Amino acid sequence: MELDSNALNQIAYSLAEHYLCVYYVNINSGRYIVFTGEARDENRNSELPTEGEDFFTDTLKNAPLFAHPDDLEIMMEAFNKETLLAKLAKHDHYSISFRSKFNGEVRHMRHVVILCKDKRHVVCCLEDVEDEYQEKQRQIESLRTEKILARTDELTGVKNSTAFKEYVDRIDDTIADEAAKGTHDTAFAIVMCDINDLKQTNDTKGHNSGDEEIQATSRLICETFQHSPVFRIGGDEFLVILTGKDYDQRDFLMSVFRDVLETNRKIQKGPDVACGLAFFEPDKGDKKFLDVFQRADRFMYEDKKAAKAAGNTEDPEQD
């Protein structure tokens, strides 16, 4: 079936109803015609031509009129004639995405370039993909939120046991890599914390009071070790991994922490926590995170037993 020019124009304008505009370009001469849908004619940038003799020159000249300044270089590169022809030599179509200054606002666009079957013309379609971009951003944010929530303790807002396992795996991988290279640059310490008498609080005052005690303990730990990740790894157990500034000041911070806990016991108000500190010592045989963890855990239980011997807590084995 032969198509006359009117039919071709109808097809082009129909395409332009989906796209912001459609360029029909003669590759050799550069001559082009621009088609826009009727609904978009009145919104079209009046400074842009509807036809011309040199598509490539005009596109590069007019790019600053519609491309966002930060994406102008992308546009200039993509519509350089040699670049465009090189891309079309490999594939009969390609697309680029960029930000545009459209109707006074920044919007995300996609420019699709299609090589016609006659190999002498290309069709360039400009599409507004702002809604698509925003939806993708919502999906990314949703996934990010889900990932954060999956690794966050709901009651306290600190990291949970899932995040703890991932963190430990990363530390162990780093230790193993360094050992293979014959280096030991990793430095960290572990503070183990266990709330004293939480079971008694739950049994005598109810679980709401127990939850409040857990939250108060979490706040105290986070306020003390402000530059380190805090994990709730059990019902009444917290763990802090000290690195950087907190690692360098570990003894001072533990002294401050213990002073607060001792004051709380004396006035019988505020969190009452047993704690233990241990740090990574590869020169003394530490080969993985568990070696340090076990030491910190043992020191924490020694602290708990010492508190019990002083008459401050119940049997640690029942906690």
C-alpha atoms as a PDB file:
ATOM      1  CA  MET A   1       0.000   0.000   0.000  1.00  0.00           C
ATOM      2  CA  GLU A   2       1.396   3.397  -0.984  1.00  0.00           C
ATOM      3  CA  LEU A   3       1.212   6.158   1.579  1.00  0.00           C
ATOM      4  CA  ASP A   4       0.850   9.751   0.510  1.00  0.00           C
ATOM      5  CA  SER A   5       2.318  12.703   2.404  1.00  0.00           C
ATOM      6  CA  ASN A   6      -0.928  13.333   4.300  1.00  0.00           C
ATOM      7  CA  ALA A   7      -0.954   9.793   5.614  1.00  0.00           C
ATOM      8  CA  LEU A   8       2.668  10.076   6.664  1.00  0.00           C
ATOM      9  CA  ASN A   9       1.932  13.327   8.430  1.00  0.00           C
ATOM     10  CA  GLN A  10      -0.963  11.717  10.306  1.00  0.00           C
ATOM     11  CA  ILE A  11       1.325   8.911  11.465  1.00  0.00           C
ATOM     12  CA  ALA A  12       3.966  11.398  12.576  1.00  0.00           C
ATOM     13  CA  TYR A  13       1.455  13.525  14.477  1.00  0.00           C
ATOM     14  CA  SER A  14       0.000  10.410  16.094  1.00  0.00           C
ATOM     15  CA  LEU A  15       3.473   9.514  17.321  1.00  0.00           C
ATOM     16  CA  ALA A  16       3.867  13.021  18.630  1.00  0.00           C
ATOM     17  CA  GLU A  17       0.774  12.604  20.777  1.00  0.00           C
ATOM     18  CA  HIS A  18       2.764  10.084  22.811  1.00  0.00           C
ATOM     19  CA  TYR A  19       6.035  12.002  22.621  1.00  0.00           C
ATOM     20  CA  LEU A  20       6.621  15.687  23.227  1.00  0.00           C
ATOM     21  CA  CYS A  21       7.905  15.944  19.702  1.00  0.00           C
ATOM     22  CA  VAL A  22       9.230  13.796  16.876  1.00  0.00           C
ATOM     23  CA  TYR A  23      12.105  14.801  14.584  1.00  0.00           C
ATOM     24  CA  TYR A  24      12.398  13.248  11.128  1.00  0.00           C
ATOM     25  CA  VAL A  25      15.988  13.764   9.998  1.00  0.00           C
ATOM     26  CA  ASN A  26      17.863  13.159   6.766  1.00  0.00           C
ATOM     27  CA  ILE A  27      21.237  11.879   7.926  1.00  0.00           C
ATOM     28  CA  ASN A  28      23.193  13.001   4.886  1.00  0.00           C
ATOM     29  CA  SER A  29      21.780  16.473   4.365  1.00  0.00           C
ATOM     30  CA  GLY A  30      20.800  17.150   7.968  1.00  0.00           C
ATOM     31  CA  ARG A  31      17.411  18.522   6.888  1.00  0.00           C
ATOM     32  CA  TYR A  32      14.666  17.822   9.404  1.00  0.00           C
ATOM     33  CA  ILE A  33      10.997  18.313  10.213  1.00  0.00           C
ATOM     34  CA  VAL A  34       9.570  18.530  13.729  1.00  0.00           C
ATOM     35  CA  PHE A  35       6.142  17.092  14.549  1.00  0.00           C
ATOM     36  CA  THR A  36       4.323  17.932  17.785  1.00  0.00           C
ATOM     37  CA  GLY A  37       0.934  16.797  19.024  1.00  0.00           C
ATOM     38  CA  GLU A  38      -1.829  19.361  18.935  1.00  0.00           C
ATOM     39  CA  ALA A  39      -2.104  19.425  22.719  1.00  0.00           C
ATOM     40  CA  ARG A  40       1.582  20.308  22.943  1.00  0.00           C
ATOM     41  CA  ASP A  41       1.857  22.922  20.220  1.00  0.00           C
ATOM     42  CA  GLU A  42       0.883  25.766  22.530  1.00  0.00           C
ATOM     43  CA  ASN A  43       3.397  24.627  25.188  1.00  0.00           C
ATOM     44  CA  ARG A  44       6.286  24.225  22.782  1.00  0.00           C
ATOM     45  CA  ASN A  45       9.307  26.452  23.331  1.00  0.00           C
ATOM     46  CA  SER A  46       8.773  29.133  20.706  1.00  0.00           C
ATOM     47  CA  GLU A  47      12.530  29.563  20.386  1.00  0.00           C
ATOM     48  CA  LEU A  48      12.934  26.053  18.942  1.00  0.00           C
ATOM     49  CA  PRO A  49      12.459  25.567  15.177  1.00  0.00           C
ATOM     50  CA  THR A  50       9.782  23.374  13.572  1.00  0.00           C
ATOM     51  CA  GLU A  51      12.036  22.499  10.651  1.00  0.00           C
ATOM     52  CA  GLY A  52      15.530  23.226   9.503  1.00  0.00           C
ATOM     53  CA  GLU A  53      18.419  22.503   7.198  1.00  0.00           C
ATOM     54  CA  ASP A  54      20.964  21.066   9.652  1.00  0.00           C
ATOM     55  CA  PHE A  55      19.605  18.980  12.535  1.00  0.00           C
ATOM     56  CA  PHE A  56      22.952  18.339  14.157  1.00  0.00           C
ATOM     57  CA  THR A  57      24.122  21.941  14.154  1.00  0.00           C
ATOM     58  CA  ASP A  58      20.725  23.245  15.302  1.00  0.00           C
ATOM     59  CA  THR A  59      20.440  20.639  18.070  1.00  0.00           C
ATOM     60  CA  LEU A  60      23.824  21.532  19.510  1.00  0.00           C
ATOM     61  CA  LYS A  61      23.037  25.243  19.212  1.00  0.00           C
ATOM     62  CA  ASN A  62      19.598  24.881  20.844  1.00  0.00           C
ATOM     63  CA  ALA A  63      20.589  22.383  23.559  1.00  0.00           C
ATOM     64  CA  PRO A  64      21.165  25.157  26.145  1.00  0.00           C
ATOM     65  CA  LEU A  65      17.549  26.273  25.622  1.00  0.00           C
ATOM     66  CA  PHE A  66      16.055  23.026  26.922  1.00  0.00           C
ATOM     67  CA  ALA A  67      18.772  20.937  28.613  1.00  0.00           C
ATOM     68  CA  HIS A  68      19.550  21.356  32.305  1.00  0.00           C
ATOM     69  CA  PRO A  69      23.019  22.937  32.680  1.00  0.00           C
ATOM     70  CA  ASP A  70      24.331  19.896  34.571  1.00  0.00           C
ATOM     71  CA  ASP A  71      23.242  17.587  31.717  1.00  0.00           C
ATOM     72  CA  LEU A  72      24.219  19.841  28.823  1.00  0.00           C
ATOM     73  CA  GLU A  73      27.473  17.972  28.223  1.00  0.00           C
ATOM     74  CA  ILE A  74      25.543  14.692  27.909  1.00  0.00           C
ATOM     75  CA  MET A  75      23.303  16.214  25.255  1.00  0.00           C
ATOM     76  CA  MET A  76      26.185  17.778  23.339  1.00  0.00           C
ATOM     77  CA  GLU A  77      28.014  14.457  23.232  1.00  0.00           C
ATOM     78  CA  ALA A  78      24.948  12.385  22.290  1.00  0.00           C
ATOM     79  CA  PHE A  79      23.941  14.598  19.360  1.00  0.00           C
ATOM     80  CA  ASN A  80      27.356  15.096  17.921  1.00  0.00           C
ATOM     81  CA  LYS A  81      26.880  13.690  14.404  1.00  0.00           C
ATOM     82  CA  GLU A  82      29.883  11.364  14.521  1.00  0.00           C
ATOM     83  CA  THR A  83      28.847  10.004  17.914  1.00  0.00           C
ATOM     84  CA  LEU A  84      25.246   9.460  16.825  1.00  0.00           C
ATOM     85  CA  LEU A  85      26.245   7.657  13.620  1.00  0.00           C
ATOM     86  CA  ALA A  86      28.745   5.503  15.511  1.00  0.00           C
ATOM     87  CA  LYS A  87      26.039   4.409  17.942  1.00  0.00           C
ATOM     88  CA  LEU A  88      23.565   3.679  15.131  1.00  0.00           C
ATOM     89  CA  ALA A  89      26.214   1.618  13.331  1.00  0.00           C
ATOM     90  CA  LYS A  90      26.159  -0.791  16.266  1.00  0.00           C
ATOM     91  CA  HIS A  91      22.437  -0.707  16.995  1.00  0.00           C
ATOM     92  CA  ASP A  92      19.541   0.635  14.968  1.00  0.00           C
ATOM     93  CA  HIS A  93      18.308   2.597  17.964  1.00  0.00           C
ATOM     94  CA  TYR A  94      19.466   4.001  21.272  1.00  0.00           C
ATOM     95  CA  SER A  95      18.260   6.405  23.931  1.00  0.00           C
ATOM     96  CA  ILE A  96      19.632   8.868  26.456  1.00  0.00           C
ATOM     97  CA  SER A  97      18.037  10.331  29.559  1.00  0.00           C
ATOM     98  CA  PHE A  98      18.599  13.859  30.772  1.00  0.00           C
ATOM     99  CA  ARG A  99      17.010  16.661  32.732  1.00  0.00           C
ATOM    100  CA  SER A 100      15.261  19.411  30.854  1.00  0.00           C
ATOM    101  CA  LYS A 101      14.123  22.928  31.617  1.00  0.00           C
ATOM    102  CA  PHE A 102      10.563  22.395  30.435  1.00  0.00           C
ATOM    103  CA  ASN A 103       7.791  24.966  30.928  1.00  0.00           C
ATOM    104  CA  GLY A 104       9.811  26.637  33.664  1.00  0.00           C
ATOM    105  CA  GLU A 105      10.490  23.462  35.657  1.00  0.00           C
ATOM    106  CA  VAL A 106      13.089  20.721  35.689  1.00  0.00           C
ATOM    107  CA  ARG A 107      11.770  17.468  34.292  1.00  0.00           C
ATOM    108  CA  HIS A 108      13.351  14.177  33.319  1.00  0.00           C
ATOM    109  CA  MET A 109      13.352  13.377  29.622  1.00  0.00           C
ATOM    110  CA  ARG A 110      14.272  10.496  27.350  1.00  0.00           C
ATOM    111  CA  HIS A 111      15.453  11.033  23.783  1.00  0.00           C
ATOM    112  CA  VAL A 112      15.016   7.945  21.579  1.00  0.00           C
ATOM    113  CA  VAL A 113      16.878   7.819  18.256  1.00  0.00           C
ATOM    114  CA  ILE A 114      15.738   5.235  15.682  1.00  0.00           C
ATOM    115  CA  LEU A 115      17.429   4.466  12.373  1.00  0.00           C
ATOM    116  CA  CYS A 116      14.891   4.140   9.555  1.00  0.00           C
ATOM    117  CA  LYS A 117      14.974   1.126   7.236  1.00  0.00           C
ATOM    118  CA  ASP A 118      16.200   3.231   4.344  1.00  0.00           C
ATOM    119  CA  LYS A 119      19.372   3.905   6.389  1.00  0.00           C
ATOM    120  CA  ARG A 120      19.167   7.514   5.219  1.00  0.00           C
ATOM    121  CA  HIS A 121      16.880   8.924   7.899  1.00  0.00           C
ATOM    122  CA  VAL A 122      16.521   8.826  11.647  1.00  0.00           C
ATOM    123  CA  VAL A 123      13.533   9.500  13.843  1.00  0.00           C
ATOM    124  CA  CYS A 124      14.264  11.247  17.137  1.00  0.00           C
ATOM    125  CA  CYS A 125      11.489  11.080  19.735  1.00  0.00           C
ATOM    126  CA  LEU A 126      11.531  13.243  22.845  1.00  0.00           C
ATOM    127  CA  GLU A 127       9.570  11.737  25.746  1.00  0.00           C
ATOM    128  CA  ASP A 128       8.669  13.245  29.116  1.00  0.00           C
ATOM    129  CA  VAL A 129       9.497  10.526  31.673  1.00  0.00           C
ATOM    130  CA  GLU A 130       9.120  12.602  34.854  1.00  0.00           C
ATOM    131  CA  ASP A 131       6.284  10.400  36.177  1.00  0.00           C
ATOM    132  CA  GLU A 132       8.324   7.284  35.421  1.00  0.00           C
ATOM    133  CA  TYR A 133      11.340   8.785  37.192  1.00  0.00           C
ATOM    134  CA  GLN A 134       9.317   9.780  40.253  1.00  0.00           C
ATOM    135  CA  GLU A 135       7.776   6.320  40.469  1.00  0.00           C
ATOM    136  CA  LYS A 136      11.212   4.731  40.268  1.00  0.00           C
ATOM    137  CA  GLN A 137      12.458   7.038  43.023  1.00  0.00           C
ATOM    138  CA  ARG A 138       9.474   6.046  45.186  1.00  0.00           C
ATOM    139  CA  GLN A 139      10.297   2.389  44.620  1.00  0.00           C
ATOM    140  CA  ILE A 140      13.952   2.966  45.503  1.00  0.00           C
ATOM    141  CA  GLU A 141      12.983   4.857  48.651  1.00  0.00           C
ATOM    142  CA  SER A 142      10.499   2.145  49.570  1.00  0.00           C
ATOM    143  CA  LEU A 143      13.158  -0.553  49.146  1.00  0.00           C
ATOM    144  CA  ARG A 144      15.618   1.540  51.140  1.00  0.00           C
ATOM    145  CA  THR A 145      13.053   1.984  53.913  1.00  0.00           C
ATOM    146  CA  GLU A 146      12.242  -1.732  53.918  1.00  0.00           C
ATOM    147  CA  LYS A 147      15.951  -2.543  54.102  1.00  0.00           C
ATOM    148  CA  ILE A 148      16.450  -0.155  57.005  1.00  0.00           C
ATOM    149  CA  LEU A 149      13.391  -1.466  58.845  1.00  0.00           C
ATOM    150  CA  ALA A 150      14.535  -5.055  58.329  1.00  0.00           C
ATOM    151  CA  ARG A 151      17.755  -4.175  60.152  1.00  0.00           C
ATOM    152  CA  THR A 152      16.291  -1.938  62.862  1.00  0.00           C
ATOM    153  CA  ASP A 153      15.048  -2.957  66.276  1.00  0.00           C
ATOM    154  CA  GLU A 154      11.436  -1.820  66.430  1.00  0.00           C
ATOM    155  CA  LEU A 155      11.398  -1.039  70.145  1.00  0.00           C
ATOM    156  CA  THR A 156      14.605   0.992  70.432  1.00  0.00           C
ATOM    157  CA  GLY A 157      15.481   2.124  66.908  1.00  0.00           C
ATOM    158  CA  VAL A 158      19.039   0.755  67.116  1.00  0.00           C
ATOM    159  CA  LYS A 159      20.337  -1.966  64.802  1.00  0.00           C
ATOM    160  CA  ASN A 160      18.950  -5.468  65.254  1.00  0.00           C
ATOM    161  CA  SER A 161      20.456  -8.964  65.172  1.00  0.00           C
ATOM    162  CA  THR A 162      20.200  -9.159  61.364  1.00  0.00           C
ATOM    163  CA  ALA A 163      22.285  -6.001  60.997  1.00  0.00           C
ATOM    164  CA  PHE A 164      24.667  -7.360  63.643  1.00  0.00           C
ATOM    165  CA  LYS A 165      25.317 -10.565  61.704  1.00  0.00           C
ATOM    166  CA  GLU A 166      25.986  -8.595  58.501  1.00  0.00           C
ATOM    167  CA  TYR A 167      28.364  -6.259  60.351  1.00  0.00           C
ATOM    168  CA  VAL A 168      30.250  -9.183  61.877  1.00  0.00           C
ATOM    169  CA  ASP A 169      30.585 -10.842  58.466  1.00  0.00           C
ATOM    170  CA  ARG A 170      32.129  -7.663  57.054  1.00  0.00           C
ATOM    171  CA  ILE A 171      34.608  -7.389  59.930  1.00  0.00           C
ATOM    172  CA  ASP A 172      35.602 -11.046  59.604  1.00  0.00           C
ATOM    173  CA  ASP A 173      36.085 -10.639  55.848  1.00  0.00           C
ATOM    174  CA  THR A 174      38.336  -7.631  56.468  1.00  0.00           C
ATOM    175  CA  ILE A 175      40.353  -9.499  59.109  1.00  0.00           C
ATOM    176  CA  ALA A 176      40.772 -12.469  56.749  1.00  0.00           C
ATOM    177  CA  ASP A 177      41.868 -10.235  53.856  1.00  0.00           C
ATOM    178  CA  GLU A 178      44.415  -8.478  56.034  1.00  0.00           C
ATOM    179  CA  ALA A 179      45.733 -11.764  57.398  1.00  0.00           C
ATOM    180  CA  ALA A 180      46.248 -13.019  53.834  1.00  0.00           C
ATOM    181  CA  LYS A 181      48.311  -9.894  53.142  1.00  0.00           C
ATOM    182  CA  GLY A 182      50.214 -10.201  56.399  1.00  0.00           C
ATOM    183  CA  THR A 183      48.782  -6.996  57.860  1.00  0.00           C
ATOM    184  CA  HIS A 184      46.642  -6.240  60.924  1.00  0.00           C
ATOM    185  CA  ASP A 185      45.202  -2.779  60.440  1.00  0.00           C
ATOM    186  CA  THR A 186      41.710  -3.469  61.778  1.00  0.00           C
ATOM    187  CA  ALA A 187      41.042  -1.931  65.188  1.00  0.00           C
ATOM    188  CA  PHE A 188      37.794  -2.324  67.087  1.00  0.00           C
ATOM    189  CA  ALA A 189      36.457  -3.012  70.548  1.00  0.00           C
ATOM    190  CA  ILE A 190      33.235  -4.576  71.764  1.00  0.00           C
ATOM    191  CA  VAL A 191      31.120  -3.421  74.662  1.00  0.00           C
ATOM    192  CA  MET A 192      28.646  -6.040  75.840  1.00  0.00           C
ATOM    193  CA  CYS A 193      25.691  -4.790  77.895  1.00  0.00           C
ATOM    194  CA  ASP A 194      23.030  -6.767  79.717  1.00  0.00           C
ATOM    195  CA  ILE A 195      20.181  -5.149  81.664  1.00  0.00           C
ATOM    196  CA  ASN A 196      20.126  -6.299  85.276  1.00  0.00           C
ATOM    197  CA  ASP A 197      16.897  -7.675  86.721  1.00  0.00           C
ATOM    198  CA  LEU A 198      14.786  -7.122  83.590  1.00  0.00           C
ATOM    199  CA  LYS A 199      12.893 -10.347  84.249  1.00  0.00           C
ATOM    200  CA  GLN A 200      11.998  -9.128  87.730  1.00  0.00           C
ATOM    201  CA  THR A 201      10.763  -5.830  86.260  1.00  0.00           C
ATOM    202  CA  ASN A 202       8.600  -7.690  83.737  1.00  0.00           C
ATOM    203  CA  ASP A 203       7.218 -10.017  86.439  1.00  0.00           C
ATOM    204  CA  THR A 204       6.451  -7.356  89.039  1.00  0.00           C
ATOM    205  CA  LYS A 205       5.709  -4.210  87.008  1.00  0.00           C
ATOM    206  CA  GLY A 206       4.614  -5.606  83.664  1.00  0.00           C
ATOM    207  CA  HIS A 207       6.164  -5.707  80.219  1.00  0.00           C
ATOM    208  CA  ASN A 208       5.405  -2.052  79.504  1.00  0.00           C
ATOM    209  CA  SER A 209       7.763  -1.103  82.325  1.00  0.00           C
ATOM    210  CA  GLY A 210      10.268  -3.606  80.993  1.00  0.00           C
ATOM    211  CA  ASP A 211      10.046  -2.027  77.520  1.00  0.00           C
ATOM    212  CA  GLU A 212      10.587   1.426  79.013  1.00  0.00           C
ATOM    213  CA  GLU A 213      13.691   0.129  80.778  1.00  0.00           C
ATOM    214  CA  ILE A 214      15.003  -1.333  77.526  1.00  0.00           C
ATOM    215  CA  GLN A 215      14.423   1.984  75.754  1.00  0.00           C
ATOM    216  CA  ALA A 216      16.098   3.966  78.531  1.00  0.00           C
ATOM    217  CA  THR A 217      19.101   1.630  78.400  1.00  0.00           C
ATOM    218  CA  SER A 218      19.330   2.037  74.633  1.00  0.00           C
ATOM    219  CA  ARG A 219      19.313   5.827  74.957  1.00  0.00           C
ATOM    220  CA  LEU A 220      22.060   5.780  77.587  1.00  0.00           C
ATOM    221  CA  ILE A 221      24.271   3.507  75.477  1.00  0.00           C
ATOM    222  CA  CYS A 222      23.759   5.623  72.349  1.00  0.00           C
ATOM    223  CA  GLU A 223      24.451   8.855  74.245  1.00  0.00           C
ATOM    224  CA  THR A 224      27.665   7.422  75.679  1.00  0.00           C
ATOM    225  CA  PHE A 225      29.047   5.820  72.514  1.00  0.00           C
ATOM    226  CA  GLN A 226      27.930   8.431  70.028  1.00  0.00           C
ATOM    227  CA  HIS A 227      30.218   7.442  67.155  1.00  0.00           C
ATOM    228  CA  SER A 228      29.678   3.688  67.165  1.00  0.00           C
ATOM    229  CA  PRO A 229      26.971   1.310  65.921  1.00  0.00           C
ATOM    230  CA  VAL A 230      24.715  -0.032  68.664  1.00  0.00           C
ATOM    231  CA  PHE A 231      22.924  -3.372  68.290  1.00  0.00           C
ATOM    232  CA  ARG A 232      20.171  -4.975  70.317  1.00  0.00           C
ATOM    233  CA  ILE A 233      21.068  -8.651  69.963  1.00  0.00           C
ATOM    234  CA  GLY A 234      18.655 -10.093  72.535  1.00  0.00           C
ATOM    235  CA  GLY A 235      15.765  -9.176  74.785  1.00  0.00           C
ATOM    236  CA  ASP A 236      18.001  -7.523  77.398  1.00  0.00           C
ATOM    237  CA  GLU A 237      21.339  -7.569  75.575  1.00  0.00           C
ATOM    238  CA  PHE A 238      23.013  -4.747  73.677  1.00  0.00           C
ATOM    239  CA  LEU A 239      26.351  -4.723  71.914  1.00  0.00           C
ATOM    240  CA  VAL A 240      28.433  -1.753  70.784  1.00  0.00           C
ATOM    241  CA  ILE A 241      31.267  -1.992  68.264  1.00  0.00           C
ATOM    242  CA  LEU A 242      33.736   0.783  68.977  1.00  0.00           C
ATOM    243  CA  THR A 243      35.757   2.157  66.081  1.00  0.00           C
ATOM    244  CA  GLY A 244      37.463   5.439  65.275  1.00  0.00           C
ATOM    245  CA  LYS A 245      37.139   8.133  67.933  1.00  0.00           C
ATOM    246  CA  ASP A 246      35.170   5.915  70.330  1.00  0.00           C
ATOM    247  CA  TYR A 247      37.791   3.196  70.016  1.00  0.00           C
ATOM    248  CA  ASP A 248      40.572   5.641  70.824  1.00  0.00           C
ATOM    249  CA  GLN A 249      38.647   6.843  73.898  1.00  0.00           C
ATOM    250  CA  ARG A 250      37.300   3.416  74.905  1.00  0.00           C
ATOM    251  CA  ASP A 251      38.671   3.413  78.448  1.00  0.00           C
ATOM    252  CA  PHE A 252      37.422   6.931  79.147  1.00  0.00           C
ATOM    253  CA  LEU A 253      33.968   6.204  77.713  1.00  0.00           C
ATOM    254  CA  MET A 254      33.681   2.990  79.721  1.00  0.00           C
ATOM    255  CA  SER A 255      34.650   4.902  82.858  1.00  0.00           C
ATOM    256  CA  VAL A 256      31.932   7.483  82.188  1.00  0.00           C
ATOM    257  CA  PHE A 257      29.420   4.726  81.442  1.00  0.00           C
ATOM    258  CA  ARG A 258      30.221   2.829  84.629  1.00  0.00           C
ATOM    259  CA  ASP A 259      30.008   6.015  86.715  1.00  0.00           C
ATOM    260  CA  VAL A 260      26.479   6.671  85.430  1.00  0.00           C
ATOM    261  CA  LEU A 261      25.452   3.076  86.135  1.00  0.00           C
ATOM    262  CA  GLU A 262      26.895   3.228  89.648  1.00  0.00           C
ATOM    263  CA  THR A 263      24.988   6.429  90.355  1.00  0.00           C
ATOM    264  CA  ASN A 264      21.795   4.831  89.047  1.00  0.00           C
ATOM    265  CA  ARG A 265      22.240   1.913  91.443  1.00  0.00           C
ATOM    266  CA  LYS A 266      22.804   4.204  94.397  1.00  0.00           C
ATOM    267  CA  ILE A 267      19.708   6.306  93.757  1.00  0.00           C
ATOM    268  CA  GLN A 268      17.792   3.271  92.432  1.00  0.00           C
ATOM    269  CA  LYS A 269      16.709   5.143  89.358  1.00  0.00           C
ATOM    270  CA  GLY A 270      17.634   4.789  85.684  1.00  0.00           C
ATOM    271  CA  PRO A 271      19.173   1.884  83.757  1.00  0.00           C
ATOM    272  CA  ASP A 272      21.078  -0.752  85.691  1.00  0.00           C
ATOM    273  CA  VAL A 273      23.397  -2.545  83.299  1.00  0.00           C
ATOM    274  CA  ALA A 274      26.222  -5.049  83.510  1.00  0.00           C
ATOM    275  CA  CYS A 275      28.905  -4.404  80.909  1.00  0.00           C
ATOM    276  CA  GLY A 276      32.197  -5.712  79.618  1.00  0.00           C
ATOM    277  CA  LEU A 277      34.804  -4.340  77.223  1.00  0.00           C
ATOM    278  CA  ALA A 278      37.255  -6.249  75.047  1.00  0.00           C
ATOM    279  CA  PHE A 279      39.246  -5.194  71.989  1.00  0.00           C
ATOM    280  CA  PHE A 280      40.744  -6.963  68.997  1.00  0.00           C
ATOM    281  CA  GLU A 281      44.287  -8.216  69.733  1.00  0.00           C
ATOM    282  CA  PRO A 282      45.667 -10.147  66.738  1.00  0.00           C
ATOM    283  CA  ASP A 283      49.117 -10.262  68.293  1.00  0.00           C
ATOM    284  CA  LYS A 284      47.598 -12.288  71.167  1.00  0.00           C
ATOM    285  CA  GLY A 285      45.799 -14.781  68.965  1.00  0.00           C
ATOM    286  CA  ASP A 286      42.551 -13.059  67.950  1.00  0.00           C
ATOM    287  CA  LYS A 287      41.624 -14.282  64.487  1.00  0.00           C
ATOM    288  CA  LYS A 288      37.954 -13.327  64.202  1.00  0.00           C
ATOM    289  CA  PHE A 289      35.201 -11.256  65.740  1.00  0.00           C
ATOM    290  CA  LEU A 290      34.012 -14.151  67.914  1.00  0.00           C
ATOM    291  CA  ASP A 291      37.295 -14.176  69.839  1.00  0.00           C
ATOM    292  CA  VAL A 292      36.700 -10.616  71.011  1.00  0.00           C
ATOM    293  CA  PHE A 293      32.966 -11.174  71.500  1.00  0.00           C
ATOM    294  CA  GLN A 294      33.524 -14.093  73.857  1.00  0.00           C
ATOM    295  CA  ARG A 295      35.944 -12.081  75.994  1.00  0.00           C
ATOM    296  CA  ALA A 296      33.588  -9.098  76.209  1.00  0.00           C
ATOM    297  CA  ASP A 297      30.722 -11.440  77.100  1.00  0.00           C
ATOM    298  CA  ARG A 298      32.788 -13.066  79.847  1.00  0.00           C
ATOM    299  CA  PHE A 299      33.758  -9.667  81.285  1.00  0.00           C
ATOM    300  CA  MET A 300      30.134  -8.597  81.223  1.00  0.00           C
ATOM    301  CA  TYR A 301      29.040 -11.650  83.232  1.00  0.00           C
ATOM    302  CA  GLU A 302      31.855 -11.071  85.703  1.00  0.00           C
ATOM    303  CA  ASP A 303      30.516  -7.543  86.141  1.00  0.00           C
ATOM    304  CA  LYS A 304      27.009  -8.917  86.643  1.00  0.00           C
ATOM    305  CA  LYS A 305      28.231 -11.388  89.279  1.00  0.00           C
ATOM    306  CA  ALA A 306      30.139  -8.640  91.059  1.00  0.00           C
ATOM    307  CA  ALA A 307      26.966  -6.552  91.204  1.00  0.00           C
ATOM    308  CA  LYS A 308      25.036  -9.528  92.555  1.00  0.00           C
ATOM    309  CA  ALA A 309      27.702 -10.133  95.218  1.00  0.00           C
ATOM    310  CA  ALA A 310      27.285  -6.512  96.256  1.00  0.00           C
ATOM    311  CA  GLY A 311      23.581  -7.139  96.638  1.00  0.00           C
ATOM    312  CA  ASN A 312      22.505  -4.994  93.683  1.00  0.00           C
ATOM    313  CA  THR A 313      20.983  -7.609  91.374  1.00  0.00           C
ATOM    314  CA  GLU A 314      19.394 -11.025  91.335  1.00  0.00           C
ATOM    315  CA  ASP A 315      21.106 -14.212  90.128  1.00  0.00           C
ATOM    316  CA  PRO A 316      22.642 -13.500  86.679  1.00  0.00           C
ATOM    317  CA  GLU A 317      21.863 -17.012  85.518  1.00  0.00           C
ATOM    318  CA  GLN A 318      18.140 -16.213  85.856  1.00  0.00           C
ATOM    319  CA  ASP A 319      18.330 -12.864  84.049  1.00  0.00           C
END
